[in-house]
Amino acid sequence: MSFWIRTGSPEARDVPGVVDNMAEAVAEMYPVDTERLVLSWNGVPVSLVYCEDVQVMVDDIAMMLARLAERPDAPVYVRWGPSAFQAEWRIARDGTDLVVDSRWEIVDHGPEDLLSARARLVVPEADFREEWLKVLRLLVDDITARSVAMEDTLIFDQVRAVLAPARRWGVQNTASASRSIWSASDDQQ
């Protein structure tokens, strides 16, 4: 596949007190030295830090997926803004595929020159959506499992709304299932 995301099993800590919003929950919940999210773009890996990069991206991920679902005929523009991952994507449909034209500006944990050389990504829309849904599922499941209290739940509620159709259609939460399997095997040893 030309595009995939590995969420891994990042360590998630309890978050004391009340945080402002989902982005702050992600920043507080995942330590900087935990496993990273890896995004593969046309075979080029990009490493993203949960508490730094992903926490800035979460609302853009939800918005991107919602816009793709709401406007099937209109292109979607995404401007990724973390300091270590700055890029612009223009996403358009071509049948059942998405064509993503990218402009890579700053990529601290990936070869920016290779990404720029492979700027166009063509991927089945269903695969693209499912890869990003894995990320959102992991974040929502970890926040929920740790009962993180947030003053502003707007983005969290939007993310859950984006996830709701996938959960209704029976798409499994592979991140939680994997953790459950590993936890059970660890308990037996």
Foldseek 3Di string as FASTA:
>chain_A
DQKFKDADQWQFQFDPDAAAELLQNQLRGGDQPTAFMWIHHRNWIATDGRNQQVSQCLLQLLVQLVCCVPPVQAWDWGFRDGPQWTKIWTWHDDPQKIKIAMDTDHHNGTDNVVCNVRRIGIGGPVRVNVRSLLVLLVSLVSCVVSVHHHPDYVSVVSSVVSCVVVVVVPPDNVNVVVVVVVVVVVVVD
